[in-house]
């Protein structure tokens, strides 16, 4: 396009050259910066209200961790008598995996002997079950 036909030629001599009296065609300085500029300074209150979690970092979560979502104590095994899978050599057989229980904890005491199938068992639970004459069948996901 020829220079003589450009719009800027027609705006010569006018005060604002078509950009208005208020804004005046300024760059990012009139906005307080480009992008996320000023979030720790002059746009702090906007950051607190709109993005309270903007600064900092998320905690590191290992992909290989085994989260125990359902557990049971030794003292509750007597209440599981409705779920008994049977008796074997005079010992009560319990399959806690089929009930969705992932870990056996050592809280409480027991009187009878059990054969228990569970994903994990604490050291105290193993000790108490074996001292009562029972056994635990488990495949540990992680060392406890």
Protein backbone atom coordinates (compact mmCIF):
# COMPACT_ATOMS: atom_id res chain seq x y z
CA UNK A 1 0.00 0.00 0.00
CA UNK A 2 1.23 3.45 -0.83
CA UNK A 3 2.26 5.59 2.12
CA UNK A 4 -0.04 8.38 1.05
CA UNK A 5 -3.04 6.04 1.38
CA UNK A 6 -2.24 4.84 4.90
CA UNK A 7 -4.55 5.78 7.76
CA UNK A 8 -1.67 7.22 9.76
CA UNK A 9 -1.22 9.94 7.12
CA UNK A 10 -4.79 11.12 7.72
CA UNK A 11 -4.21 11.22 11.51
CA UNK A 12 -1.20 13.56 11.29
CA UNK A 13 -1.91 16.77 13.11
CA UNK A 14 -4.60 15.26 15.32
CA UNK A 15 -3.85 14.94 18.99
CA UNK A 16 -4.52 11.21 19.62
CA UNK A 17 -4.10 9.71 16.13
CA UNK A 18 -7.20 7.57 16.50
CA UNK A 19 -6.23 5.86 19.76
CA UNK A 20 -8.56 7.83 22.01
CA UNK A 21 -8.16 10.31 24.80
CA UNK A 22 -8.02 7.79 27.69
CA UNK A 23 -6.06 4.68 26.74
CA UNK A 24 -3.64 6.37 24.37
CA UNK A 25 -2.39 3.12 22.76
CA UNK A 26 -0.04 2.26 25.57
CA UNK A 27 1.69 -1.07 25.82
CA UNK A 28 1.55 -3.52 28.73
CA UNK A 29 2.70 -0.86 31.17
CA UNK A 30 -0.81 0.48 31.52
CA UNK A 31 -2.06 -2.99 32.51
CA UNK A 32 0.55 -3.63 35.20
CA UNK A 33 2.63 -6.06 33.15
CA UNK A 34 2.24 -8.97 30.75
CA UNK A 35 0.78 -12.30 31.82
CA UNK A 36 1.33 -13.21 35.47
CA UNK A 37 3.44 -10.15 36.26
CA UNK A 38 2.82 -8.56 39.63
CA UNK A 39 1.20 -11.55 41.36
CA UNK A 40 3.61 -11.16 44.27
CA UNK A 41 3.50 -7.35 44.19
CA UNK A 42 0.80 -5.00 42.89
CA UNK A 43 -1.71 -7.74 41.90
CA UNK A 44 -1.36 -9.56 45.24
CA UNK A 45 -4.99 -9.15 46.41
CA UNK A 46 -6.22 -10.43 43.04
CA UNK A 47 -3.93 -13.45 43.45
CA UNK A 48 -5.22 -14.15 46.96
CA UNK A 49 -8.85 -14.00 45.84
CA UNK A 50 -8.70 -15.68 42.43
CA UNK A 51 -5.75 -18.09 42.75
CA UNK A 52 -4.97 -18.77 46.43
CA UNK A 53 -2.90 -21.87 45.56
CA UNK A 54 -0.83 -20.22 42.82
CA UNK A 55 2.44 -20.07 44.76
CA UNK A 56 4.13 -23.07 46.38
CA UNK A 57 4.11 -26.64 45.12
CA UNK A 58 2.11 -29.81 45.54
CA UNK A 59 3.40 -32.56 47.77
CA UNK A 60 5.28 -35.34 46.05
CA UNK A 61 3.17 -38.47 45.74
CA UNK A 62 4.91 -41.70 44.91
CA UNK A 63 3.16 -43.73 42.25
CA UNK A 64 4.24 -46.98 43.87
CA UNK A 65 2.83 -46.37 47.33
CA UNK A 66 0.31 -48.82 48.76
CA UNK A 67 -2.43 -46.93 50.58
CA UNK A 68 -4.31 -49.06 53.08
CA UNK A 69 -7.96 -48.07 52.81
CA UNK A 70 -9.55 -50.78 54.96
CA UNK A 71 -8.04 -52.50 57.99
CA UNK A 72 -9.09 -54.52 61.02
CA UNK A 73 -7.67 -55.17 64.49
CA UNK A 74 -7.14 -58.58 66.06
CA UNK A 75 -9.79 -57.82 68.68
CA UNK A 76 -12.41 -57.68 65.90
CA UNK A 77 -11.69 -61.16 64.53
CA UNK A 78 -14.15 -62.73 66.97
CA UNK A 79 -16.92 -60.60 65.46
CA UNK A 80 -16.08 -62.01 62.05
CA UNK A 81 -17.57 -65.37 63.03
CA UNK A 82 -20.36 -64.81 60.49
CA UNK A 83 -17.73 -64.65 57.74
CA UNK A 84 -15.91 -67.84 58.72
CA UNK A 85 -14.76 -69.79 55.70
CA UNK A 86 -14.50 -72.97 57.73
CA UNK A 87 -12.24 -74.81 60.13
CA UNK A 88 -8.98 -76.51 59.31
CA UNK A 89 -7.12 -78.60 61.90
CA UNK A 90 -9.15 -76.96 64.68
CA UNK A 91 -8.26 -73.46 63.49
CA UNK A 92 -10.72 -70.90 62.17
CA UNK A 93 -9.99 -69.96 58.56
CA UNK A 94 -10.64 -66.32 57.59
CA UNK A 95 -10.16 -64.83 54.14
CA UNK A 96 -9.98 -61.08 54.81
CA UNK A 97 -9.04 -60.32 51.19
CA UNK A 98 -12.46 -61.43 49.99
CA UNK A 99 -14.00 -58.95 52.46
CA UNK A 100 -11.91 -56.09 51.07
CA UNK A 101 -9.72 -55.79 54.20
CA UNK A 102 -6.16 -54.96 53.23
CA UNK A 103 -4.29 -54.99 56.54
CA UNK A 104 -4.48 -56.75 59.89
CA UNK A 105 -3.38 -54.68 62.88
CA UNK A 106 -2.30 -55.92 66.31
CA UNK A 107 -4.77 -54.11 68.59
CA UNK A 108 -6.39 -56.26 71.26
CA UNK A 109 -6.00 -59.93 72.23
CA UNK A 110 -7.31 -63.23 70.89
CA UNK A 111 -8.04 -66.58 72.50
CA UNK A 112 -8.52 -68.96 69.58
CA UNK A 113 -6.17 -69.75 66.72
CA UNK A 114 -6.79 -68.47 63.20
CA UNK A 115 -5.48 -69.09 59.71
CA UNK A 116 -5.85 -65.67 58.10
CA UNK A 117 -5.39 -64.66 54.48
CA UNK A 118 -4.70 -60.93 54.17
CA UNK A 119 -2.57 -58.62 51.99
CA UNK A 120 -0.60 -57.10 54.90
CA UNK A 121 -0.20 -57.67 58.60
CA UNK A 122 1.64 -55.63 61.20
CA UNK A 123 4.49 -57.15 63.21
CA UNK A 124 2.39 -57.09 66.40
CA UNK A 125 -0.47 -58.88 64.64
CA UNK A 126 1.86 -61.60 63.33
CA UNK A 127 3.34 -62.10 66.77
CA UNK A 128 -0.06 -62.40 68.48
CA UNK A 129 -1.54 -64.74 65.86
CA UNK A 130 1.49 -67.05 65.94
CA UNK A 131 1.62 -67.07 69.75
CA UNK A 132 -2.03 -68.21 69.77
CA UNK A 133 -1.10 -71.09 67.44
CA UNK A 134 -2.34 -69.60 64.18
CA UNK A 135 -0.74 -68.40 60.98
CA UNK A 136 -1.00 -65.57 58.47
CA UNK A 137 -0.95 -66.06 54.72
CA UNK A 138 0.07 -62.76 53.13
CA UNK A 139 1.92 -61.17 50.26
CA UNK A 140 3.46 -57.96 51.57
CA UNK A 141 3.32 -54.97 49.21
CA UNK A 142 5.83 -53.06 51.26
CA UNK A 143 7.97 -53.81 54.28
CA UNK A 144 6.23 -52.77 57.48
